[in-house]
Amino acid sequence: MRQLLLYIAIINLLDAFLTLYGLHFDYMTEANPLMNNLYSASPWLFLLLKGGLSLSLFILLYKLHPDKKFSNVLLSVSVIAAASYSFTCMMHGYWLMEVI
């Protein structure tokens, strides 16, 4: 479980930078309305939220006891988040490879 949360935190940061790069150079658009509004208001606000989410996961990882059993709900949500972020990062990477 700890490795899964670490993966989500890292891939979230990767997604943030790929998205910022693609949006800055108009290679892509942000499909998430909340993140699109944040980016439109300020790219720094967008990065602050994405970085804050990863930081929260890093803090959670630090606080979690390694021997503690995790709930099935947390595991299910984490697997779905990891799969979603993986798919999103692959799409962003593909789009950026196409335009570069």
PDB file of N, CA and C in Angstrom:
ATOM      1  N   MET A   1       0.827  -1.194   0.000  1.00  0.00           N
ATOM      2  CA  MET A   1       0.000   0.000   0.000  1.00  0.00           C
ATOM      3  C   MET A   1       0.874   1.262   0.000  1.00  0.00           C
ATOM      4  N   ARG A   2       1.941   1.218   0.777  1.00  0.00           N
ATOM      5  CA  ARG A   2       2.825   2.385   0.845  1.00  0.00           C
ATOM      6  C   ARG A   2       3.429   2.673  -0.528  1.00  0.00           C
ATOM      7  N   GLN A   3       3.822   1.620  -1.243  1.00  0.00           N
ATOM      8  CA  GLN A   3       4.408   1.814  -2.571  1.00  0.00           C
ATOM      9  C   GLN A   3       3.378   2.403  -3.534  1.00  0.00           C
ATOM     10  N   LEU A   4       2.131   2.005  -3.401  1.00  0.00           N
ATOM     11  CA  LEU A   4       1.065   2.518  -4.256  1.00  0.00           C
ATOM     12  C   LEU A   4       0.849   4.011  -4.006  1.00  0.00           C
ATOM     13  N   LEU A   5       0.822   4.412  -2.741  1.00  0.00           N
ATOM     14  CA  LEU A   5       0.650   5.835  -2.422  1.00  0.00           C
ATOM     15  C   LEU A   5       1.853   6.659  -2.885  1.00  0.00           C
ATOM     16  N   LEU A   6       3.042   6.104  -2.744  1.00  0.00           N
ATOM     17  CA  LEU A   6       4.241   6.788  -3.236  1.00  0.00           C
ATOM     18  C   LEU A   6       4.176   6.953  -4.754  1.00  0.00           C
ATOM     19  N   TYR A   7       3.752   5.913  -5.441  1.00  0.00           N
ATOM     20  CA  TYR A   7       3.597   5.965  -6.898  1.00  0.00           C
ATOM     21  C   TYR A   7       2.611   7.061  -7.298  1.00  0.00           C
ATOM     22  N   ILE A   8       1.487   7.134  -6.597  1.00  0.00           N
ATOM     23  CA  ILE A   8       0.467   8.147  -6.912  1.00  0.00           C
ATOM     24  C   ILE A   8       1.033   9.552  -6.704  1.00  0.00           C
ATOM     25  N   ALA A   9       1.765   9.756  -5.619  1.00  0.00           N
ATOM     26  CA  ALA A   9       2.346  11.076  -5.345  1.00  0.00           C
ATOM     27  C   ALA A   9       3.328  11.480  -6.439  1.00  0.00           C
ATOM     28  N   ILE A  10       4.163  10.535  -6.853  1.00  0.00           N
ATOM     29  CA  ILE A  10       5.170  10.846  -7.876  1.00  0.00           C
ATOM     30  C   ILE A  10       4.531  11.055  -9.238  1.00  0.00           C
ATOM     31  N   ILE A  11       3.598  10.206  -9.598  1.00  0.00           N
ATOM     32  CA  ILE A  11       2.978  10.335 -10.925  1.00  0.00           C
ATOM     33  C   ILE A  11       2.085  11.584 -10.981  1.00  0.00           C
ATOM     34  N   ASN A  12       1.542  12.005  -9.846  1.00  0.00           N
ATOM     35  CA  ASN A  12       0.787  13.253  -9.797  1.00  0.00           C
ATOM     36  C   ASN A  12       1.698  14.439 -10.117  1.00  0.00           C
ATOM     37  N   LEU A  13       2.916  14.429  -9.568  1.00  0.00           N
ATOM     38  CA  LEU A  13       3.870  15.499  -9.884  1.00  0.00           C
ATOM     39  C   LEU A  13       4.285  15.458 -11.350  1.00  0.00           C
ATOM     40  N   LEU A  14       4.518  14.262 -11.870  1.00  0.00           N
ATOM     41  CA  LEU A  14       4.857  14.128 -13.291  1.00  0.00           C
ATOM     42  C   LEU A  14       3.718  14.667 -14.154  1.00  0.00           C
ATOM     43  N   ASP A  15       2.498  14.315 -13.794  1.00  0.00           N
ATOM     44  CA  ASP A  15       1.327  14.805 -14.526  1.00  0.00           C
ATOM     45  C   ASP A  15       1.249  16.328 -14.469  1.00  0.00           C
ATOM     46  N   ALA A  16       1.557  16.899 -13.318  1.00  0.00           N
ATOM     47  CA  ALA A  16       1.516  18.359 -13.179  1.00  0.00           C
ATOM     48  C   ALA A  16       2.485  19.026 -14.149  1.00  0.00           C
ATOM     49  N   PHE A  17       3.714  18.526 -14.211  1.00  0.00           N
ATOM     50  CA  PHE A  17       4.707  19.156 -15.085  1.00  0.00           C
ATOM     51  C   PHE A  17       4.429  18.907 -16.568  1.00  0.00           C
ATOM     52  N   LEU A  18       3.963  17.704 -16.905  1.00  0.00           N
ATOM     53  CA  LEU A  18       3.596  17.446 -18.303  1.00  0.00           C
ATOM     54  C   LEU A  18       2.432  18.330 -18.719  1.00  0.00           C
ATOM     55  N   THR A  19       1.461  18.473 -17.828  1.00  0.00           N
ATOM     56  CA  THR A  19       0.301  19.308 -18.128  1.00  0.00           C
ATOM     57  C   THR A  19       0.714  20.769 -18.270  1.00  0.00           C
ATOM     58  N   LEU A  20       1.522  21.255 -17.332  1.00  0.00           N
ATOM     59  CA  LEU A  20       1.978  22.645 -17.418  1.00  0.00           C
ATOM     60  C   LEU A  20       2.718  22.908 -18.717  1.00  0.00           C
ATOM     61  N   TYR A  21       3.589  22.000 -19.097  1.00  0.00           N
ATOM     62  CA  TYR A  21       4.345  22.147 -20.335  1.00  0.00           C
ATOM     63  C   TYR A  21       3.401  22.185 -21.536  1.00  0.00           C
ATOM     64  N   GLY A  22       2.485  21.228 -21.591  1.00  0.00           N
ATOM     65  CA  GLY A  22       1.545  21.164 -22.717  1.00  0.00           C
ATOM     66  C   GLY A  22       0.621  22.357 -22.787  1.00  0.00           C
ATOM     67  N   LEU A  23       0.155  22.829 -21.636  1.00  0.00           N
ATOM     68  CA  LEU A  23      -0.731  23.984 -21.620  1.00  0.00           C
ATOM     69  C   LEU A  23       0.019  25.273 -21.968  1.00  0.00           C
ATOM     70  N   HIS A  24       1.217  25.411 -21.450  1.00  0.00           N
ATOM     71  CA  HIS A  24       1.999  26.622 -21.698  1.00  0.00           C
ATOM     72  C   HIS A  24       2.266  26.821 -23.193  1.00  0.00           C
ATOM     73  N   PHE A  25       2.581  25.750 -23.885  1.00  0.00           N
ATOM     74  CA  PHE A  25       2.899  25.852 -25.313  1.00  0.00           C
ATOM     75  C   PHE A  25       1.695  25.549 -26.207  1.00  0.00           C
ATOM     76  N   ASP A  26       0.502  25.487 -25.614  1.00  0.00           N
ATOM     77  CA  ASP A  26      -0.747  25.240 -26.348  1.00  0.00           C
ATOM     78  C   ASP A  26      -0.724  23.924 -27.131  1.00  0.00           C
ATOM     79  N   TYR A  27      -0.065  22.921 -26.577  1.00  0.00           N
ATOM     80  CA  TYR A  27      -0.060  21.599 -27.197  1.00  0.00           C
ATOM     81  C   TYR A  27      -1.290  20.793 -26.798  1.00  0.00           C
ATOM     82  N   MET A  28      -1.914  21.176 -25.696  1.00  0.00           N
ATOM     83  CA  MET A  28      -3.080  20.443 -25.200  1.00  0.00           C
ATOM     84  C   MET A  28      -3.967  21.398 -24.424  1.00  0.00           C
ATOM     85  N   THR A  29      -5.143  20.913 -24.082  1.00  0.00           N
ATOM     86  CA  THR A  29      -6.056  21.666 -23.229  1.00  0.00           C
ATOM     87  C   THR A  29      -6.340  20.822 -21.994  1.00  0.00           C
ATOM     88  N   GLU A  30      -6.699  21.490 -20.917  1.00  0.00           N
ATOM     89  CA  GLU A  30      -7.016  20.786 -19.677  1.00  0.00           C
ATOM     90  C   GLU A  30      -8.490  20.387 -19.711  1.00  0.00           C
ATOM     91  N   ALA A  31      -8.746  19.095 -19.574  1.00  0.00           N
ATOM     92  CA  ALA A  31     -10.121  18.586 -19.642  1.00  0.00           C
ATOM     93  C   ALA A  31     -10.840  18.688 -18.300  1.00  0.00           C
ATOM     94  N   ASN A  32     -10.100  18.735 -17.215  1.00  0.00           N
ATOM     95  CA  ASN A  32     -10.694  18.845 -15.885  1.00  0.00           C
ATOM     96  C   ASN A  32     -11.104  20.302 -15.659  1.00  0.00           C
ATOM     97  N   PRO A  33     -12.413  20.568 -15.512  1.00  0.00           N
ATOM     98  CA  PRO A  33     -12.861  21.966 -15.383  1.00  0.00           C
ATOM     99  C   PRO A  33     -12.249  22.699 -14.185  1.00  0.00           C
ATOM    100  N   LEU A  34     -12.099  22.025 -13.052  1.00  0.00           N
ATOM    101  CA  LEU A  34     -11.512  22.670 -11.880  1.00  0.00           C
ATOM    102  C   LEU A  34     -10.060  23.050 -12.148  1.00  0.00           C
ATOM    103  N   MET A  35      -9.288  22.125 -12.675  1.00  0.00           N
ATOM    104  CA  MET A  35      -7.875  22.403 -12.946  1.00  0.00           C
ATOM    105  C   MET A  35      -7.732  23.425 -14.068  1.00  0.00           C
ATOM    106  N   ASN A  36      -8.642  23.409 -15.032  1.00  0.00           N
ATOM    107  CA  ASN A  36      -8.616  24.400 -16.102  1.00  0.00           C
ATOM    108  C   ASN A  36      -8.844  25.802 -15.550  1.00  0.00           C
ATOM    109  N   ASN A  37      -9.812  25.936 -14.631  1.00  0.00           N
ATOM    110  CA  ASN A  37     -10.061  27.236 -14.004  1.00  0.00           C
ATOM    111  C   ASN A  37      -8.864  27.692 -13.176  1.00  0.00           C
ATOM    112  N   LEU A  38      -8.247  26.765 -12.451  1.00  0.00           N
ATOM    113  CA  LEU A  38      -7.060  27.119 -11.667  1.00  0.00           C
ATOM    114  C   LEU A  38      -5.924  27.569 -12.575  1.00  0.00           C
ATOM    115  N   TYR A  39      -5.693  26.824 -13.658  1.00  0.00           N
ATOM    116  CA  TYR A  39      -4.618  27.190 -14.579  1.00  0.00           C
ATOM    117  C   TYR A  39      -4.917  28.536 -15.235  1.00  0.00           C
ATOM    118  N   SER A  40      -6.179  28.767 -15.596  1.00  0.00           N
ATOM    119  CA  SER A  40      -6.553  30.049 -16.220  1.00  0.00           C
ATOM    120  C   SER A  40      -6.333  31.205 -15.252  1.00  0.00           C
ATOM    121  N   ALA A  41      -6.608  30.974 -13.977  1.00  0.00           N
ATOM    122  CA  ALA A  41      -6.388  32.014 -12.971  1.00  0.00           C
ATOM    123  C   ALA A  41      -4.898  32.253 -12.767  1.00  0.00           C
ATOM    124  N   SER A  42      -4.136  31.170 -12.638  1.00  0.00           N
ATOM    125  CA  SER A  42      -2.691  31.279 -12.449  1.00  0.00           C
ATOM    126  C   SER A  42      -2.058  29.899 -12.557  1.00  0.00           C
ATOM    127  N   PRO A  43      -1.072  29.742 -13.435  1.00  0.00           N
ATOM    128  CA  PRO A  43      -0.370  28.456 -13.493  1.00  0.00           C
ATOM    129  C   PRO A  43       0.273  28.081 -12.157  1.00  0.00           C
ATOM    130  N   TRP A  44       0.659  29.086 -11.376  1.00  0.00           N
ATOM    131  CA  TRP A  44       1.246  28.822 -10.069  1.00  0.00           C
ATOM    132  C   TRP A  44       0.211  28.236  -9.114  1.00  0.00           C
ATOM    133  N   LEU A  45      -1.020  28.688  -9.217  1.00  0.00           N
ATOM    134  CA  LEU A  45      -2.096  28.139  -8.398  1.00  0.00           C
ATOM    135  C   LEU A  45      -2.347  26.683  -8.772  1.00  0.00           C
ATOM    136  N   PHE A  46      -2.333  26.399 -10.063  1.00  0.00           N
ATOM    137  CA  PHE A  46      -2.462  25.030 -10.565  1.00  0.00           C
ATOM    138  C   PHE A  46      -1.360  24.145  -9.973  1.00  0.00           C
ATOM    139  N   LEU A  47      -0.123  24.624 -10.064  1.00  0.00           N
ATOM    140  CA  LEU A  47       1.020  23.860  -9.560  1.00  0.00           C
ATOM    141  C   LEU A  47       0.972  23.723  -8.040  1.00  0.00           C
ATOM    142  N   LEU A  48       0.511  24.758  -7.356  1.00  0.00           N
ATOM    143  CA  LEU A  48       0.396  24.711  -5.902  1.00  0.00           C
ATOM    144  C   LEU A  48      -0.583  23.625  -5.465  1.00  0.00           C
ATOM    145  N   LEU A  49      -1.711  23.531  -6.136  1.00  0.00           N
ATOM    146  CA  LEU A  49      -2.689  22.498  -5.771  1.00  0.00           C
ATOM    147  C   LEU A  49      -2.152  21.105  -6.078  1.00  0.00           C
ATOM    148  N   LYS A  50      -1.597  20.915  -7.266  1.00  0.00           N
ATOM    149  CA  LYS A  50      -1.061  19.593  -7.623  1.00  0.00           C
ATOM    150  C   LYS A  50       0.084  19.205  -6.685  1.00  0.00           C
ATOM    151  N   GLY A  51       0.967  20.157  -6.411  1.00  0.00           N
ATOM    152  CA  GLY A  51       2.069  19.882  -5.489  1.00  0.00           C
ATOM    153  C   GLY A  51       1.574  19.628  -4.071  1.00  0.00           C
ATOM    154  N   GLY A  52       0.542  20.361  -3.675  1.00  0.00           N
ATOM    155  CA  GLY A  52      -0.040  20.168  -2.349  1.00  0.00           C
ATOM    156  C   GLY A  52      -0.648  18.784  -2.185  1.00  0.00           C
ATOM    157  N   LEU A  53      -1.265  18.284  -3.244  1.00  0.00           N
ATOM    158  CA  LEU A  53      -1.827  16.933  -3.182  1.00  0.00           C
ATOM    159  C   LEU A  53      -0.722  15.891  -3.012  1.00  0.00           C
ATOM    160  N   SER A  54       0.357  16.047  -3.745  1.00  0.00           N
ATOM    161  CA  SER A  54       1.479  15.111  -3.597  1.00  0.00           C
ATOM    162  C   SER A  54       2.123  15.246  -2.227  1.00  0.00           C
ATOM    163  N   LEU A  55       2.283  16.472  -1.758  1.00  0.00           N
ATOM    164  CA  LEU A  55       2.851  16.691  -0.438  1.00  0.00           C
ATOM    165  C   LEU A  55       1.984  16.029   0.641  1.00  0.00           C
ATOM    166  N   SER A  56       0.673  16.127   0.486  1.00  0.00           N
ATOM    167  CA  SER A  56      -0.239  15.478   1.435  1.00  0.00           C
ATOM    168  C   SER A  56      -0.035  13.970   1.443  1.00  0.00           C
ATOM    169  N   LEU A  57       0.168  13.388   0.276  1.00  0.00           N
ATOM    170  CA  LEU A  57       0.421  11.949   0.216  1.00  0.00           C
ATOM    171  C   LEU A  57       1.760  11.594   0.851  1.00  0.00           C
ATOM    172  N   PHE A  58       2.786  12.422   0.627  1.00  0.00           N
ATOM    173  CA  PHE A  58       4.090  12.170   1.255  1.00  0.00           C
ATOM    174  C   PHE A  58       3.978  12.240   2.782  1.00  0.00           C
ATOM    175  N   ILE A  59       3.220  13.210   3.288  1.00  0.00           N
ATOM    176  CA  ILE A  59       3.013  13.325   4.738  1.00  0.00           C
ATOM    177  C   ILE A  59       2.246  12.116   5.254  1.00  0.00           C
ATOM    178  N   LEU A  60       1.210  11.706   4.522  1.00  0.00           N
ATOM    179  CA  LEU A  60       0.451  10.515   4.907  1.00  0.00           C
ATOM    180  C   LEU A  60       1.361   9.290   4.950  1.00  0.00           C
ATOM    181  N   LEU A  61       2.234   9.161   3.981  1.00  0.00           N
ATOM    182  CA  LEU A  61       3.171   8.041   3.959  1.00  0.00           C
ATOM    183  C   LEU A  61       4.084   8.067   5.181  1.00  0.00           C
ATOM    184  N   TYR A  62       4.521   9.244   5.574  1.00  0.00           N
ATOM    185  CA  TYR A  62       5.393   9.379   6.731  1.00  0.00           C
ATOM    186  C   TYR A  62       4.665   8.984   8.019  1.00  0.00           C
ATOM    187  N   LYS A  63       3.374   9.330   8.084  1.00  0.00           N
ATOM    188  CA  LYS A  63       2.581   9.087   9.292  1.00  0.00           C
ATOM    189  C   LYS A  63       2.064   7.649   9.387  1.00  0.00           C
ATOM    190  N   LEU A  64       1.928   6.963   8.268  1.00  0.00           N
ATOM    191  CA  LEU A  64       1.374   5.603   8.289  1.00  0.00           C
ATOM    192  C   LEU A  64       2.355   4.624   8.914  1.00  0.00           C
ATOM    193  N   HIS A  65       1.820   3.789   9.747  1.00  0.00           N
ATOM    194  CA  HIS A  65       2.641   2.742  10.352  1.00  0.00           C
ATOM    195  C   HIS A  65       2.773   1.606   9.347  1.00  0.00           C
ATOM    196  N   PRO A  66       4.005   1.125   9.089  1.00  0.00           N
ATOM    197  CA  PRO A  66       4.209   0.103   8.045  1.00  0.00           C
ATOM    198  C   PRO A  66       3.453  -1.201   8.278  1.00  0.00           C
ATOM    199  N   ASP A  67       3.187  -1.538   9.539  1.00  0.00           N
ATOM    200  CA  ASP A  67       2.514  -2.812   9.829  1.00  0.00           C
ATOM    201  C   ASP A  67       0.997  -2.686   9.901  1.00  0.00           C
ATOM    202  N   LYS A  68       0.488  -1.480   9.755  1.00  0.00           N
ATOM    203  CA  LYS A  68      -0.953  -1.258   9.882  1.00  0.00           C
ATOM    204  C   LYS A  68      -1.694  -1.815   8.673  1.00  0.00           C
ATOM    205  N   LYS A  69      -2.828  -2.460   8.938  1.00  0.00           N
ATOM    206  CA  LYS A  69      -3.667  -2.986   7.865  1.00  0.00           C
ATOM    207  C   LYS A  69      -4.533  -1.852   7.329  1.00  0.00           C
ATOM    208  N   PHE A  70      -4.646  -1.782   6.004  1.00  0.00           N
ATOM    209  CA  PHE A  70      -5.395  -0.710   5.361  1.00  0.00           C
ATOM    210  C   PHE A  70      -6.771  -1.209   4.936  1.00  0.00           C
ATOM    211  N   SER A  71      -7.717  -0.303   4.871  1.00  0.00           N
ATOM    212  CA  SER A  71      -9.076  -0.675   4.490  1.00  0.00           C
ATOM    213  C   SER A  71      -9.149  -0.999   3.005  1.00  0.00           C
ATOM    214  N   ASN A  72     -10.124  -1.802   2.668  1.00  0.00           N
ATOM    215  CA  ASN A  72     -10.344  -2.149   1.266  1.00  0.00           C
ATOM    216  C   ASN A  72     -10.777  -0.933   0.458  1.00  0.00           C
ATOM    217  N   VAL A  73     -11.474  -0.011   1.103  1.00  0.00           N
ATOM    218  CA  VAL A  73     -11.916   1.208   0.408  1.00  0.00           C
ATOM    219  C   VAL A  73     -10.699   2.046   0.013  1.00  0.00           C
ATOM    220  N   LEU A  74      -9.759   2.250   0.948  1.00  0.00           N
ATOM    221  CA  LEU A  74      -8.550   3.019   0.638  1.00  0.00           C
ATOM    222  C   LEU A  74      -7.744   2.334  -0.454  1.00  0.00           C
ATOM    223  N   LEU A  75      -7.644   1.032  -0.384  1.00  0.00           N
ATOM    224  CA  LEU A  75      -6.916   0.292  -1.415  1.00  0.00           C
ATOM    225  C   LEU A  75      -7.595   0.441  -2.770  1.00  0.00           C
ATOM    226  N   SER A  76      -8.916   0.316  -2.813  1.00  0.00           N
ATOM    227  CA  SER A  76      -9.653   0.437  -4.077  1.00  0.00           C
ATOM    228  C   SER A  76      -9.508   1.833  -4.676  1.00  0.00           C
ATOM    229  N   VAL A  77      -9.651   2.851  -3.849  1.00  0.00           N
ATOM    230  CA  VAL A  77      -9.528   4.235  -4.331  1.00  0.00           C
ATOM    231  C   VAL A  77      -8.105   4.482  -4.827  1.00  0.00           C
ATOM    232  N   SER A  78      -7.123   3.955  -4.119  1.00  0.00           N
ATOM    233  CA  SER A  78      -5.727   4.140  -4.513  1.00  0.00           C
ATOM    234  C   SER A  78      -5.422   3.451  -5.841  1.00  0.00           C
ATOM    235  N   VAL A  79      -5.941   2.262  -6.044  1.00  0.00           N
ATOM    236  CA  VAL A  79      -5.722   1.550  -7.303  1.00  0.00           C
ATOM    237  C   VAL A  79      -6.368   2.303  -8.458  1.00  0.00           C
ATOM    238  N   ILE A  80      -7.574   2.798  -8.246  1.00  0.00           N
ATOM    239  CA  ILE A  80      -8.265   3.565  -9.292  1.00  0.00           C
ATOM    240  C   ILE A  80      -7.494   4.854  -9.597  1.00  0.00           C
ATOM    241  N   ALA A  81      -7.010   5.543  -8.556  1.00  0.00           N
ATOM    242  CA  ALA A  81      -6.242   6.772  -8.766  1.00  0.00           C
ATOM    243  C   ALA A  81      -4.945   6.479  -9.518  1.00  0.00           C
ATOM    244  N   ALA A  82      -4.260   5.413  -9.140  1.00  0.00           N
ATOM    245  CA  ALA A  82      -3.005   5.060  -9.813  1.00  0.00           C
ATOM    246  C   ALA A  82      -3.246   4.723 -11.279  1.00  0.00           C
ATOM    247  N   ALA A  83      -4.300   3.972 -11.553  1.00  0.00           N
ATOM    248  CA  ALA A  83      -4.609   3.615 -12.938  1.00  0.00           C
ATOM    249  C   ALA A  83      -4.993   4.858 -13.742  1.00  0.00           C
ATOM    250  N   SER A  84      -5.786   5.741 -13.150  1.00  0.00           N
ATOM    251  CA  SER A  84      -6.209   6.967 -13.839  1.00  0.00           C
ATOM    252  C   SER A  84      -5.022   7.872 -14.143  1.00  0.00           C
ATOM    253  N   TYR A  85      -4.166   8.087 -13.150  1.00  0.00           N
ATOM    254  CA  TYR A  85      -2.987   8.920 -13.365  1.00  0.00           C
ATOM    255  C   TYR A  85      -2.037   8.298 -14.380  1.00  0.00           C
ATOM    256  N   SER A  86      -1.892   6.992 -14.331  1.00  0.00           N
ATOM    257  CA  SER A  86      -1.013   6.318 -15.302  1.00  0.00           C
ATOM    258  C   SER A  86      -1.527   6.539 -16.717  1.00  0.00           C
ATOM    259  N   PHE A  87      -2.820   6.353 -16.913  1.00  0.00           N
ATOM    260  CA  PHE A  87      -3.424   6.541 -18.227  1.00  0.00           C
ATOM    261  C   PHE A  87      -3.277   7.994 -18.675  1.00  0.00           C
ATOM    262  N   THR A  88      -3.553   8.925 -17.782  1.00  0.00           N
ATOM    263  CA  THR A  88      -3.456  10.344 -18.112  1.00  0.00           C
ATOM    264  C   THR A  88      -2.028  10.731 -18.483  1.00  0.00           C
ATOM    265  N   CYS A  89      -1.051  10.263 -17.712  1.00  0.00           N
ATOM    266  CA  CYS A  89       0.356  10.585 -18.020  1.00  0.00           C
ATOM    267  C   CYS A  89       0.783   9.970 -19.341  1.00  0.00           C
ATOM    268  N   MET A  90       0.306   8.771 -19.632  1.00  0.00           N
ATOM    269  CA  MET A  90       0.640   8.167 -20.928  1.00  0.00           C
ATOM    270  C   MET A  90       0.049   8.991 -22.067  1.00  0.00           C
ATOM    271  N   MET A  91      -1.186   9.463 -21.902  1.00  0.00           N
ATOM    272  CA  MET A  91      -1.799  10.310 -22.934  1.00  0.00           C
ATOM    273  C   MET A  91      -1.023  11.605 -23.107  1.00  0.00           C
ATOM    274  N   HIS A  92      -0.682  12.253 -22.003  1.00  0.00           N
ATOM    275  CA  HIS A  92       0.067  13.503 -22.092  1.00  0.00           C
ATOM    276  C   HIS A  92       1.424  13.273 -22.744  1.00  0.00           C
ATOM    277  N   GLY A  93       2.098  12.226 -22.343  1.00  0.00           N
ATOM    278  CA  GLY A  93       3.390  11.904 -22.945  1.00  0.00           C
ATOM    279  C   GLY A  93       3.277  11.642 -24.431  1.00  0.00           C
ATOM    280  N   TYR A  94       2.249  10.911 -24.832  1.00  0.00           N
ATOM    281  CA  TYR A  94       2.036  10.611 -26.247  1.00  0.00           C
ATOM    282  C   TYR A  94       1.772  11.897 -27.036  1.00  0.00           C
ATOM    283  N   TRP A  95       0.885  12.739 -26.508  1.00  0.00           N
ATOM    284  CA  TRP A  95       0.568  13.991 -27.198  1.00  0.00           C
ATOM    285  C   TRP A  95       1.814  14.863 -27.328  1.00  0.00           C
ATOM    286  N   LEU A  96       2.596  14.937 -26.278  1.00  0.00           N
ATOM    287  CA  LEU A  96       3.786  15.771 -26.341  1.00  0.00           C
ATOM    288  C   LEU A  96       4.831  15.200 -27.285  1.00  0.00           C
ATOM    289  N   MET A  97       4.942  13.881 -27.345  1.00  0.00           N
ATOM    290  CA  MET A  97       5.885  13.257 -28.285  1.00  0.00           C
ATOM    291  C   MET A  97       5.459  13.523 -29.732  1.00  0.00           C
ATOM    292  N   GLU A  98       4.179  13.593 -29.953  1.00  0.00           N
ATOM    293  CA  GLU A  98       3.655  13.853 -31.307  1.00  0.00           C
ATOM    294  C   GLU A  98       3.982  15.266 -31.781  1.00  0.00           C
ATOM    295  N   VAL A  99       3.981  16.230 -30.879  1.00  0.00           N
ATOM    296  CA  VAL A  99       4.180  17.619 -31.292  1.00  0.00           C
ATOM    297  C   VAL A  99       5.645  18.047 -31.237  1.00  0.00           C
ATOM    298  N   ILE A 100       6.463  17.302 -30.575  1.00  0.00           N
ATOM    299  CA  ILE A 100       7.880  17.684 -30.460  1.00  0.00           C
ATOM    300  C   ILE A 100       8.681  17.113 -31.603  1.00  0.00           C
TER     301      ILE A 100
END
